[in-house]
Structure formats: C-alpha cells, structure tokens
PDB file of all heavy atoms in Angstrom:
ATOM      1  N   LEU A   1       0.866  -1.224   0.001  1.00  0.00           N
ATOM      2  CA  LEU A   1       0.005  -0.011   0.064  1.00  0.00           C
ATOM      3  C   LEU A   1       0.867   1.242  -0.028  1.00  0.00           C
ATOM      4  O   LEU A   1       1.693   1.372   0.873  1.00  0.00           O
ATOM      5  CB  LEU A   1      -0.919   0.064   1.265  1.00  0.00           C
ATOM      6  CG  LEU A   1      -1.972  -1.098   1.395  1.00  0.00           C
ATOM      7  CD1 LEU A   1      -2.743  -0.899   2.670  1.00  0.00           C
ATOM      8  CD2 LEU A   1      -3.020  -1.054   0.228  1.00  0.00           C
ATOM      9  N   ASP A   2       0.684   2.086  -0.975  1.00  0.00           N
ATOM     10  CA  ASP A   2       1.456   3.342  -0.946  1.00  0.00           C
ATOM     11  C   ASP A   2       0.631   4.360  -0.235  1.00  0.00           C
ATOM     12  O   ASP A   2      -0.367   4.972  -0.745  1.00  0.00           O
ATOM     13  CB  ASP A   2       1.658   3.750  -2.499  1.00  0.00           C
ATOM     14  CG  ASP A   2       2.364   5.083  -2.574  1.00  0.00           C
ATOM     15  OD1 ASP A   2       2.750   5.688  -1.501  1.00  0.00           O
ATOM     16  OD2 ASP A   2       2.667   5.563  -3.708  1.00  0.00           O
ATOM     17  N   LEU A   3       0.948   4.596   1.055  1.00  0.00           N
ATOM     18  CA  LEU A   3       0.158   5.389   1.871  1.00  0.00           C
ATOM     19  C   LEU A   3       0.265   6.868   1.653  1.00  0.00           C
ATOM     20  O   LEU A   3      -0.452   7.663   2.256  1.00  0.00           O
ATOM     21  CB  LEU A   3       0.510   5.051   3.405  1.00  0.00           C
ATOM     22  CG  LEU A   3       0.232   3.664   3.845  1.00  0.00           C
ATOM     23  CD1 LEU A   3       0.685   3.443   5.294  1.00  0.00           C
ATOM     24  CD2 LEU A   3      -1.224   3.250   3.728  1.00  0.00           C
ATOM     25  N   LYS A   4       1.001   7.270   0.633  1.00  0.00           N
ATOM     26  CA  LYS A   4       0.915   8.651   0.137  1.00  0.00           C
ATOM     27  C   LYS A   4      -0.341   8.798  -0.722  1.00  0.00           C
ATOM     28  O   LYS A   4      -0.716  10.030  -0.999  1.00  0.00           O
ATOM     29  CB  LYS A   4       2.218   8.935  -0.699  1.00  0.00           C
ATOM     30  CG  LYS A   4       3.498   8.845   0.058  1.00  0.00           C
ATOM     31  CD  LYS A   4       4.606   9.089  -0.792  1.00  0.00           C
ATOM     32  CE  LYS A   4       6.041   8.920   0.045  1.00  0.00           C
ATOM     33  NZ  LYS A   4       7.126   9.096  -0.889  1.00  0.00           N
ATOM     34  N   ARG A   5      -1.023   7.710  -1.086  1.00  0.00           N
ATOM     35  CA  ARG A   5      -2.127   7.914  -1.978  1.00  0.00           C
ATOM     36  C   ARG A   5      -3.455   7.682  -1.140  1.00  0.00           C
ATOM     37  O   ARG A   5      -3.505   6.767  -0.226  1.00  0.00           O
ATOM     38  CB  ARG A   5      -2.033   6.821  -3.107  1.00  0.00           C
ATOM     39  CG  ARG A   5      -0.814   6.977  -3.984  1.00  0.00           C
ATOM     40  CD  ARG A   5      -0.761   5.981  -5.085  1.00  0.00           C
ATOM     41  NE  ARG A   5      -1.977   6.044  -5.933  1.00  0.00           N
ATOM     42  CZ  ARG A   5      -2.920   5.162  -6.023  1.00  0.00           C
ATOM     43  NH1 ARG A   5      -3.008   4.170  -5.247  1.00  0.00           N
ATOM     44  NH2 ARG A   5      -3.990   5.409  -6.842  1.00  0.00           N
ATOM     45  N   ALA A   6      -4.449   8.445  -1.351  1.00  0.00           N
ATOM     46  CA  ALA A   6      -5.691   8.418  -0.660  1.00  0.00           C
ATOM     47  C   ALA A   6      -6.401   7.042  -0.721  1.00  0.00           C
ATOM     48  O   ALA A   6      -6.928   6.522   0.263  1.00  0.00           O
ATOM     49  CB  ALA A   6      -6.639   9.534  -1.075  1.00  0.00           C
ATOM     50  N   ALA A   7      -6.311   6.397  -1.948  1.00  0.00           N
ATOM     51  CA  ALA A   7      -7.094   5.110  -2.033  1.00  0.00           C
ATOM     52  C   ALA A   7      -6.331   4.082  -1.231  1.00  0.00           C
ATOM     53  O   ALA A   7      -7.046   3.189  -0.607  1.00  0.00           O
ATOM     54  CB  ALA A   7      -7.024   4.669  -3.566  1.00  0.00           C
ATOM     55  N   ALA A   8      -5.041   4.077  -1.085  1.00  0.00           N
ATOM     56  CA  ALA A   8      -4.358   3.152  -0.235  1.00  0.00           C
ATOM     57  C   ALA A   8      -4.577   3.423   1.172  1.00  0.00           C
ATOM     58  O   ALA A   8      -4.749   2.438   2.026  1.00  0.00           O
ATOM     59  CB  ALA A   8      -2.876   3.135  -0.528  1.00  0.00           C
ATOM     60  N   ARG A   9      -4.628   4.692   1.580  1.00  0.00           N
ATOM     61  CA  ARG A   9      -5.027   4.933   3.050  1.00  0.00           C
ATOM     62  C   ARG A   9      -6.415   4.492   3.377  1.00  0.00           C
ATOM     63  O   ARG A   9      -6.629   3.910   4.432  1.00  0.00           O
ATOM     64  CB  ARG A   9      -4.846   6.479   3.325  1.00  0.00           C
ATOM     65  CG  ARG A   9      -3.429   6.929   3.178  1.00  0.00           C
ATOM     66  CD  ARG A   9      -3.239   8.349   3.782  1.00  0.00           C
ATOM     67  NE  ARG A   9      -4.060   9.391   3.113  1.00  0.00           N
ATOM     68  CZ  ARG A   9      -3.638  10.020   2.073  1.00  0.00           C
ATOM     69  NH1 ARG A   9      -2.359   9.753   1.559  1.00  0.00           N
ATOM     70  NH2 ARG A   9      -4.329  10.939   1.500  1.00  0.00           N
ATOM     71  N   GLU A  10      -7.334   4.667   2.433  1.00  0.00           N
ATOM     72  CA  GLU A  10      -8.645   4.107   2.665  1.00  0.00           C
ATOM     73  C   GLU A  10      -8.691   2.619   2.860  1.00  0.00           C
ATOM     74  O   GLU A  10      -9.406   2.097   3.677  1.00  0.00           O
ATOM     75  CB  GLU A  10      -9.652   4.605   1.588  1.00  0.00           C
ATOM     76  CG  GLU A  10     -11.086   4.127   1.754  1.00  0.00           C
ATOM     77  CD  GLU A  10     -11.623   4.449   3.168  1.00  0.00           C
ATOM     78  OE1 GLU A  10     -11.356   5.497   3.703  1.00  0.00           O
ATOM     79  OE2 GLU A  10     -12.458   3.641   3.721  1.00  0.00           O
ATOM     80  N   ALA A  11      -7.822   1.962   2.036  1.00  0.00           N
ATOM     81  CA  ALA A  11      -7.800   0.511   2.158  1.00  0.00           C
ATOM     82  C   ALA A  11      -7.204   0.099   3.535  1.00  0.00           C
ATOM     83  O   ALA A  11      -7.664  -0.923   4.189  1.00  0.00           O
ATOM     84  CB  ALA A  11      -6.837  -0.049   0.996  1.00  0.00           C
ATOM     85  N   LEU A  12      -6.278   0.835   4.020  1.00  0.00           N
ATOM     86  CA  LEU A  12      -5.705   0.508   5.311  1.00  0.00           C
ATOM     87  C   LEU A  12      -6.665   0.754   6.430  1.00  0.00           C
ATOM     88  O   LEU A  12      -6.813  -0.116   7.364  1.00  0.00           O
ATOM     89  CB  LEU A  12      -4.444   1.352   5.565  1.00  0.00           C
ATOM     90  CG  LEU A  12      -3.685   1.039   6.888  1.00  0.00           C
ATOM     91  CD1 LEU A  12      -3.375  -0.394   6.996  1.00  0.00           C
ATOM     92  CD2 LEU A  12      -2.383   1.953   7.010  1.00  0.00           C
ATOM     93  N   TRP A  13      -7.450   1.804   6.227  1.00  0.00           N
ATOM     94  CA  TRP A  13      -8.611   2.011   7.190  1.00  0.00           C
ATOM     95  C   TRP A  13      -9.540   0.809   7.266  1.00  0.00           C
ATOM     96  O   TRP A  13     -10.079   0.414   8.323  1.00  0.00           O
ATOM     97  CB  TRP A  13      -9.347   3.254   6.941  1.00  0.00           C
ATOM     98  CG  TRP A  13      -8.650   4.539   7.421  1.00  0.00           C
ATOM     99  CD1 TRP A  13      -8.185   5.560   6.673  1.00  0.00           C
ATOM    100  CD2 TRP A  13      -8.246   4.800   8.806  1.00  0.00           C
ATOM    101  NE1 TRP A  13      -7.639   6.587   7.464  1.00  0.00           N
ATOM    102  CE2 TRP A  13      -7.634   6.131   8.780  1.00  0.00           C
ATOM    103  CE3 TRP A  13      -8.359   4.187  10.065  1.00  0.00           C
ATOM    104  CZ2 TRP A  13      -7.129   6.691   9.909  1.00  0.00           C
ATOM    105  CZ3 TRP A  13      -7.903   4.768  11.125  1.00  0.00           C
ATOM    106  CH2 TRP A  13      -7.218   5.974  11.164  1.00  0.00           C
ATOM    107  N   ARG A  14      -9.856   0.288   6.060  1.00  0.00           N
ATOM    108  CA  ARG A  14     -10.762  -0.944   6.036  1.00  0.00           C
ATOM    109  C   ARG A  14     -10.088  -2.090   6.748  1.00  0.00           C
ATOM    110  O   ARG A  14     -10.793  -2.865   7.395  1.00  0.00           O
ATOM    111  CB  ARG A  14     -11.106  -1.274   4.554  1.00  0.00           C
ATOM    112  CG  ARG A  14     -12.124  -2.219   4.337  1.00  0.00           C
ATOM    113  CD  ARG A  14     -13.514  -1.608   4.380  1.00  0.00           C
ATOM    114  NE  ARG A  14     -13.725  -0.684   3.316  1.00  0.00           N
ATOM    115  CZ  ARG A  14     -14.203  -1.035   2.063  1.00  0.00           C
ATOM    116  NH1 ARG A  14     -14.472  -2.269   1.762  1.00  0.00           N
ATOM    117  NH2 ARG A  14     -14.352  -0.061   1.121  1.00  0.00           N
ATOM    118  N   LEU A  15      -8.809  -2.247   6.596  1.00  0.00           N
ATOM    119  CA  LEU A  15      -8.112  -3.403   7.236  1.00  0.00           C
ATOM    120  C   LEU A  15      -8.078  -3.121   8.836  1.00  0.00           C
ATOM    121  O   LEU A  15      -8.170  -4.062   9.576  1.00  0.00           O
ATOM    122  CB  LEU A  15      -6.661  -3.484   6.653  1.00  0.00           C
ATOM    123  CG  LEU A  15      -6.588  -3.925   5.298  1.00  0.00           C
ATOM    124  CD1 LEU A  15      -5.146  -3.874   4.817  1.00  0.00           C
ATOM    125  CD2 LEU A  15      -7.168  -5.420   5.104  1.00  0.00           C
ATOM    126  N   VAL A  16      -7.976  -1.851   9.167  1.00  0.00           N
ATOM    127  CA  VAL A  16      -8.008  -1.516  10.612  1.00  0.00           C
ATOM    128  C   VAL A  16      -9.307  -2.058  11.288  1.00  0.00           C
ATOM    129  O   VAL A  16      -9.385  -2.469  12.358  1.00  0.00           O
ATOM    130  CB  VAL A  16      -7.867  -0.047  10.771  1.00  0.00           C
ATOM    131  CG1 VAL A  16      -8.298   0.437  12.230  1.00  0.00           C
ATOM    132  CG2 VAL A  16      -6.409   0.450  10.555  1.00  0.00           C
ATOM    133  N   ASP A  17     -10.467  -1.932  10.531  1.00  0.00           N
ATOM    134  CA  ASP A  17     -11.756  -2.340  10.990  1.00  0.00           C
ATOM    135  C   ASP A  17     -11.763  -3.785  11.397  1.00  0.00           C
ATOM    136  O   ASP A  17     -12.504  -4.167  12.286  1.00  0.00           O
ATOM    137  CB  ASP A  17     -12.782  -2.075   9.956  1.00  0.00           C
ATOM    138  CG  ASP A  17     -13.105  -0.630   9.697  1.00  0.00           C
ATOM    139  OD1 ASP A  17     -12.786   0.214  10.547  1.00  0.00           O
ATOM    140  OD2 ASP A  17     -13.657  -0.350   8.599  1.00  0.00           O
ATOM    141  N   SER A  18     -10.924  -4.656  10.763  1.00  0.00           N
ATOM    142  CA  SER A  18     -10.967  -6.058  11.031  1.00  0.00           C
ATOM    143  C   SER A  18      -9.751  -6.494  11.874  1.00  0.00           C
ATOM    144  O   SER A  18      -9.576  -7.750  12.040  1.00  0.00           O
ATOM    145  CB  SER A  18     -10.942  -6.902   9.698  1.00  0.00           C
ATOM    146  OG  SER A  18      -9.750  -6.686   8.960  1.00  0.00           O
ATOM    147  N   ALA A  19      -8.941  -5.552  12.358  1.00  0.00           N
ATOM    148  CA  ALA A  19      -7.714  -5.934  12.999  1.00  0.00           C
ATOM    149  C   ALA A  19      -7.821  -5.989  14.555  1.00  0.00           C
ATOM    150  O   ALA A  19      -8.734  -5.213  15.152  1.00  0.00           O
ATOM    151  CB  ALA A  19      -6.648  -5.031  12.637  1.00  0.00           C
ATOM    152  N   ASP A  20      -7.050  -6.756  15.161  1.00  0.00           N
ATOM    153  CA  ASP A  20      -6.967  -6.814  16.606  1.00  0.00           C
ATOM    154  C   ASP A  20      -5.776  -5.986  17.107  1.00  0.00           C
ATOM    155  O   ASP A  20      -5.863  -5.431  18.153  1.00  0.00           O
ATOM    156  CB  ASP A  20      -6.782  -8.269  17.166  1.00  0.00           C
ATOM    157  CG  ASP A  20      -7.933  -9.148  16.755  1.00  0.00           C
ATOM    158  OD1 ASP A  20      -8.959  -8.996  17.336  1.00  0.00           O
ATOM    159  OD2 ASP A  20      -7.758  -9.966  15.863  1.00  0.00           O
ATOM    160  N   VAL A  21      -4.695  -5.872  16.311  1.00  0.00           N
ATOM    161  CA  VAL A  21      -3.521  -5.199  16.666  1.00  0.00           C
ATOM    162  C   VAL A  21      -3.036  -4.299  15.472  1.00  0.00           C
ATOM    163  O   VAL A  21      -3.023  -4.786  14.313  1.00  0.00           O
ATOM    164  CB  VAL A  21      -2.484  -6.152  17.100  1.00  0.00           C
ATOM    165  CG1 VAL A  21      -1.106  -5.283  17.513  1.00  0.00           C
ATOM    166  CG2 VAL A  21      -2.812  -6.951  18.252  1.00  0.00           C
ATOM    167  N   PHE A  22      -2.611  -3.115  15.767  1.00  0.00           N
ATOM    168  CA  PHE A  22      -2.039  -2.181  14.833  1.00  0.00           C
ATOM    169  C   PHE A  22      -0.652  -1.898  15.276  1.00  0.00           C
ATOM    170  O   PHE A  22      -0.529  -1.307  16.390  1.00  0.00           O
ATOM    171  CB  PHE A  22      -2.857  -0.967  14.522  1.00  0.00           C
ATOM    172  CG  PHE A  22      -2.319   0.026  13.598  1.00  0.00           C
ATOM    173  CD1 PHE A  22      -2.834   0.132  12.284  1.00  0.00           C
ATOM    174  CD2 PHE A  22      -1.290   0.913  13.884  1.00  0.00           C
ATOM    175  CE1 PHE A  22      -2.397   1.059  11.301  1.00  0.00           C
ATOM    176  CE2 PHE A  22      -0.825   1.816  12.959  1.00  0.00           C
ATOM    177  CZ  PHE A  22      -1.355   1.916  11.688  1.00  0.00           C
ATOM    178  N   VAL A  23       0.383  -2.336  14.631  1.00  0.00           N
ATOM    179  CA  VAL A  23       1.765  -2.158  15.198  1.00  0.00           C
ATOM    180  C   VAL A  23       2.649  -1.505  14.138  1.00  0.00           C
ATOM    181  O   VAL A  23       2.559  -1.813  12.916  1.00  0.00           O
ATOM    182  CB  VAL A  23       2.408  -3.475  15.698  1.00  0.00           C
ATOM    183  CG1 VAL A  23       2.411  -4.595  14.557  1.00  0.00           C
ATOM    184  CG2 VAL A  23       3.814  -3.276  16.210  1.00  0.00           C
ATOM    185  N   HIS A  24       3.448  -0.507  14.530  1.00  0.00           N
ATOM    186  CA  HIS A  24       4.273   0.196  13.608  1.00  0.00           C
ATOM    187  C   HIS A  24       5.610   0.674  14.329  1.00  0.00           C
ATOM    188  O   HIS A  24       5.578   0.743  15.607  1.00  0.00           O
ATOM    189  CB  HIS A  24       3.650   1.493  13.050  1.00  0.00           C
ATOM    190  CG  HIS A  24       3.532   2.615  13.988  1.00  0.00           C
ATOM    191  ND1 HIS A  24       4.460   3.565  14.163  1.00  0.00           N
ATOM    192  CD2 HIS A  24       2.472   2.908  14.838  1.00  0.00           C
ATOM    193  CE1 HIS A  24       4.123   4.369  15.155  1.00  0.00           C
ATOM    194  NE2 HIS A  24       2.906   4.029  15.477  1.00  0.00           N
ATOM    195  N   ASN A  25       6.658   0.899  13.596  1.00  0.00           N
ATOM    196  CA  ASN A  25       7.888   1.493  14.155  1.00  0.00           C
ATOM    197  C   ASN A  25       8.246   2.765  13.378  1.00  0.00           C
ATOM    198  O   ASN A  25       9.399   3.043  13.131  1.00  0.00           O
ATOM    199  CB  ASN A  25       9.036   0.493  14.218  1.00  0.00           C
ATOM    200  CG  ASN A  25       9.460  -0.045  12.965  1.00  0.00           C
ATOM    201  OD1 ASN A  25       8.828   0.103  11.898  1.00  0.00           O
ATOM    202  ND2 ASN A  25      10.546  -0.829  12.985  1.00  0.00           N
ATOM    203  N   ILE A  26       7.233   3.508  13.046  1.00  0.00           N
ATOM    204  CA  ILE A  26       7.372   4.721  12.355  1.00  0.00           C
ATOM    205  C   ILE A  26       7.547   5.918  13.413  1.00  0.00           C
ATOM    206  O   ILE A  26       6.736   5.836  14.432  1.00  0.00           O
ATOM    207  CB  ILE A  26       6.141   5.031  11.416  1.00  0.00           C
ATOM    208  CG1 ILE A  26       6.053   3.885  10.383  1.00  0.00           C
ATOM    209  CG2 ILE A  26       6.263   6.334  10.671  1.00  0.00           C
ATOM    210  CD1 ILE A  26       4.745   3.845   9.613  1.00  0.00           C
ATOM    211  N   ARG A  27       8.358   6.837  13.236  1.00  0.00           N
ATOM    212  CA  ARG A  27       8.448   7.883  14.228  1.00  0.00           C
ATOM    213  C   ARG A  27       7.164   8.645  14.342  1.00  0.00           C
ATOM    214  O   ARG A  27       6.329   8.835  13.423  1.00  0.00           O
ATOM    215  CB  ARG A  27       9.656   8.844  13.745  1.00  0.00           C
ATOM    216  CG  ARG A  27      11.015   8.194  13.973  1.00  0.00           C
ATOM    217  CD  ARG A  27      12.083   9.252  13.746  1.00  0.00           C
ATOM    218  NE  ARG A  27      12.333   9.420  12.398  1.00  0.00           N
ATOM    219  CZ  ARG A  27      13.022  10.519  11.871  1.00  0.00           C
ATOM    220  NH1 ARG A  27      13.447  11.374  12.683  1.00  0.00           N
ATOM    221  NH2 ARG A  27      13.316  10.519  10.506  1.00  0.00           N
ATOM    222  N   PRO A  28       6.956   9.131  15.634  1.00  0.00           N
ATOM    223  CA  PRO A  28       5.537   9.667  15.895  1.00  0.00           C
ATOM    224  C   PRO A  28       5.161  10.758  14.913  1.00  0.00           C
ATOM    225  O   PRO A  28       3.895  10.731  14.550  1.00  0.00           O
ATOM    226  CB  PRO A  28       5.742  10.182  17.425  1.00  0.00           C
ATOM    227  CG  PRO A  28       6.776   9.246  17.890  1.00  0.00           C
ATOM    228  CD  PRO A  28       7.768   9.036  16.800  1.00  0.00           C
ATOM    229  N   HIS A  29       5.906  11.715  14.620  1.00  0.00           N
ATOM    230  CA  HIS A  29       5.526  12.782  13.688  1.00  0.00           C
ATOM    231  C   HIS A  29       5.189  12.286  12.312  1.00  0.00           C
ATOM    232  O   HIS A  29       4.288  12.830  11.655  1.00  0.00           O
ATOM    233  CB  HIS A  29       6.542  13.920  13.696  1.00  0.00           C
ATOM    234  CG  HIS A  29       7.840  13.489  13.059  1.00  0.00           C
ATOM    235  ND1 HIS A  29       8.813  12.797  13.593  1.00  0.00           N
ATOM    236  CD2 HIS A  29       8.251  13.799  11.775  1.00  0.00           C
ATOM    237  CE1 HIS A  29       9.858  12.638  12.820  1.00  0.00           C
ATOM    238  NE2 HIS A  29       9.571  13.229  11.765  1.00  0.00           N
ATOM    239  N   LYS A  30       5.834  11.166  11.884  1.00  0.00           N
ATOM    240  CA  LYS A  30       5.513  10.714  10.533  1.00  0.00           C
ATOM    241  C   LYS A  30       4.205   9.915  10.520  1.00  0.00           C
ATOM    242  O   LYS A  30       3.534  10.048   9.562  1.00  0.00           O
ATOM    243  CB  LYS A  30       6.660   9.847  10.096  1.00  0.00           C
ATOM    244  CG  LYS A  30       8.028  10.614   9.816  1.00  0.00           C
ATOM    245  CD  LYS A  30       8.985   9.903   9.037  1.00  0.00           C
ATOM    246  CE  LYS A  30      10.133  10.771   8.560  1.00  0.00           C
ATOM    247  NZ  LYS A  30      11.089  10.180   7.689  1.00  0.00           N
ATOM    248  N   ILE A  31       4.001   9.144  11.559  1.00  0.00           N
ATOM    249  CA  ILE A  31       2.700   8.369  11.502  1.00  0.00           C
ATOM    250  C   ILE A  31       1.544   9.399  11.787  1.00  0.00           C
ATOM    251  O   ILE A  31       0.414   9.079  11.173  1.00  0.00           O
ATOM    252  CB  ILE A  31       2.708   7.254  12.702  1.00  0.00           C
ATOM    253  CG1 ILE A  31       1.608   6.184  12.410  1.00  0.00           C
ATOM    254  CG2 ILE A  31       2.623   7.860  14.050  1.00  0.00           C
ATOM    255  CD1 ILE A  31       1.852   5.312  11.253  1.00  0.00           C
ATOM    256  N   LEU A  32       1.786  10.448  12.528  1.00  0.00           N
ATOM    257  CA  LEU A  32       0.671  11.499  12.579  1.00  0.00           C
ATOM    258  C   LEU A  32       0.373  12.052  11.245  1.00  0.00           C
ATOM    259  O   LEU A  32      -0.746  12.335  10.855  1.00  0.00           O
ATOM    260  CB  LEU A  32       1.217  12.495  13.591  1.00  0.00           C
ATOM    261  CG  LEU A  32       0.217  13.751  13.853  1.00  0.00           C
ATOM    262  CD1 LEU A  32      -1.014  13.199  14.523  1.00  0.00           C
ATOM    263  CD2 LEU A  32       0.872  14.707  14.772  1.00  0.00           C
ATOM    264  N   LYS A  33       1.488  12.374  10.463  1.00  0.00           N
ATOM    265  CA  LYS A  33       1.258  12.949   9.076  1.00  0.00           C
ATOM    266  C   LYS A  33       0.472  12.012   8.211  1.00  0.00           C
ATOM    267  O   LYS A  33      -0.357  12.478   7.380  1.00  0.00           O
ATOM    268  CB  LYS A  33       2.621  13.284   8.523  1.00  0.00           C
ATOM    269  CG  LYS A  33       2.538  14.012   7.262  1.00  0.00           C
ATOM    270  CD  LYS A  33       3.982  14.409   6.723  1.00  0.00           C
ATOM    271  CE  LYS A  33       3.812  15.162   5.401  1.00  0.00           C
ATOM    272  NZ  LYS A  33       5.186  15.555   4.956  1.00  0.00           N
ATOM    273  N   LEU A  34       0.715  10.697   8.385  1.00  0.00           N
ATOM    274  CA  LEU A  34      -0.010   9.738   7.564  1.00  0.00           C
ATOM    275  C   LEU A  34      -1.431   9.635   7.995  1.00  0.00           C
ATOM    276  O   LEU A  34      -2.297   9.157   7.224  1.00  0.00           O
ATOM    277  CB  LEU A  34       0.678   8.342   7.648  1.00  0.00           C
ATOM    278  CG  LEU A  34       2.025   8.156   6.837  1.00  0.00           C
ATOM    279  CD1 LEU A  34       2.568   6.859   7.228  1.00  0.00           C
ATOM    280  CD2 LEU A  34       1.827   8.346   5.389  1.00  0.00           C
ATOM    281  N   GLY A  35      -1.751  10.058   9.215  1.00  0.00           N
ATOM    282  CA  GLY A  35      -3.165  10.048   9.644  1.00  0.00           C
ATOM    283  C   GLY A  35      -3.426   8.813  10.479  1.00  0.00           C
ATOM    284  O   GLY A  35      -4.645   8.553  10.826  1.00  0.00           O
ATOM    285  N   PHE A  36      -2.420   7.975  10.854  1.00  0.00           N
ATOM    286  CA  PHE A  36      -2.733   6.642  11.620  1.00  0.00           C
ATOM    287  C   PHE A  36      -2.101   6.792  13.003  1.00  0.00           C
ATOM    288  O   PHE A  36      -1.545   5.773  13.497  1.00  0.00           O
ATOM    289  CB  PHE A  36      -2.166   5.467  10.813  1.00  0.00           C
ATOM    290  CG  PHE A  36      -2.952   5.296   9.512  1.00  0.00           C
ATOM    291  CD1 PHE A  36      -2.643   5.907   8.306  1.00  0.00           C
ATOM    292  CD2 PHE A  36      -4.119   4.510   9.477  1.00  0.00           C
ATOM    293  CE1 PHE A  36      -3.359   5.755   7.170  1.00  0.00           C
ATOM    294  CE2 PHE A  36      -4.799   4.269   8.417  1.00  0.00           C
ATOM    295  CZ  PHE A  36      -4.455   4.902   7.180  1.00  0.00           C
ATOM    296  N   ASP A  37      -2.200   7.913  13.592  1.00  0.00           N
ATOM    297  CA  ASP A  37      -1.733   8.050  14.968  1.00  0.00           C
ATOM    298  C   ASP A  37      -2.733   7.327  15.897  1.00  0.00           C
ATOM    299  O   ASP A  37      -3.815   6.951  15.517  1.00  0.00           O
ATOM    300  CB  ASP A  37      -1.716   9.530  15.387  1.00  0.00           C
ATOM    301  CG  ASP A  37      -3.015  10.223  15.123  1.00  0.00           C
ATOM    302  OD1 ASP A  37      -3.241  10.558  13.905  1.00  0.00           O
ATOM    303  OD2 ASP A  37      -3.758  10.429  16.064  1.00  0.00           O
ATOM    304  N   PRO A  38      -2.331   7.072  17.188  1.00  0.00           N
ATOM    305  CA  PRO A  38      -3.212   6.194  18.080  1.00  0.00           C
ATOM    306  C   PRO A  38      -4.607   6.821  18.234  1.00  0.00           C
ATOM    307  O   PRO A  38      -5.529   6.027  18.319  1.00  0.00           O
ATOM    308  CB  PRO A  38      -2.388   6.158  19.295  1.00  0.00           C
ATOM    309  CG  PRO A  38      -1.324   7.233  19.327  1.00  0.00           C
ATOM    310  CD  PRO A  38      -1.118   7.398  17.860  1.00  0.00           C
ATOM    311  N   ASP A  39      -4.718   8.094  18.401  1.00  0.00           N
ATOM    312  CA  ASP A  39      -6.045   8.665  18.600  1.00  0.00           C
ATOM    313  C   ASP A  39      -7.000   8.276  17.480  1.00  0.00           C
ATOM    314  O   ASP A  39      -8.168   7.925  17.685  1.00  0.00           O
ATOM    315  CB  ASP A  39      -6.045  10.154  18.842  1.00  0.00           C
ATOM    316  CG  ASP A  39      -5.219  10.546  20.170  1.00  0.00           C
ATOM    317  OD1 ASP A  39      -5.238   9.679  21.072  1.00  0.00           O
ATOM    318  OD2 ASP A  39      -4.742  11.676  20.250  1.00  0.00           O
ATOM    319  N   ARG A  40      -6.530   8.461  16.270  1.00  0.00           N
ATOM    320  CA  ARG A  40      -7.427   8.205  15.161  1.00  0.00           C
ATOM    321  C   ARG A  40      -7.705   6.752  14.901  1.00  0.00           C
ATOM    322  O   ARG A  40      -8.850   6.455  14.580  1.00  0.00           O
ATOM    323  CB  ARG A  40      -6.869   8.913  13.871  1.00  0.00           C
ATOM    324  CG  ARG A  40      -7.211  10.484  13.853  1.00  0.00           C
ATOM    325  CD  ARG A  40      -6.718  11.074  12.632  1.00  0.00           C
ATOM    326  NE  ARG A  40      -5.308  11.588  12.788  1.00  0.00           N
ATOM    327  CZ  ARG A  40      -4.718  12.348  11.985  1.00  0.00           C
ATOM    328  NH1 ARG A  40      -5.312  12.808  10.887  1.00  0.00           N
ATOM    329  NH2 ARG A  40      -3.404  12.733  12.230  1.00  0.00           N
ATOM    330  N   VAL A  41      -6.735   5.962  15.033  1.00  0.00           N
ATOM    331  CA  VAL A  41      -6.950   4.518  14.810  1.00  0.00           C
ATOM    332  C   VAL A  41      -7.886   3.935  15.904  1.00  0.00           C
ATOM    333  O   VAL A  41      -8.776   3.154  15.585  1.00  0.00           O
ATOM    334  CB  VAL A  41      -5.577   3.771  14.848  1.00  0.00           C
ATOM    335  CG1 VAL A  41      -5.751   2.278  14.786  1.00  0.00           C
ATOM    336  CG2 VAL A  41      -4.737   4.158  13.551  1.00  0.00           C
TER     337      VAL A  41
END
C-alpha cells in the first residue's frame, strides 16, 4: 500500500476495521502525518 495515496490509506482503514492489533515502528510525527496516530486509529 502506497500510503501517500488516498485510495491506499482508505484501504488501510478498512483493514483497521478487522484488526486486533495495529503495530508500527514509524516515528511519531511521521505516523501522525500519515493519519494513523493512536487517537485516530
């Protein structure tokens, strides 16, 4: 998924709906910029 693209981000959100765990090792300001920070997820 190229998360720079809106369609790919929407696909990831759909996967979030079916997930038990969301894990990343992206630096906090970068995951916030992508829109997948803890508050939103």
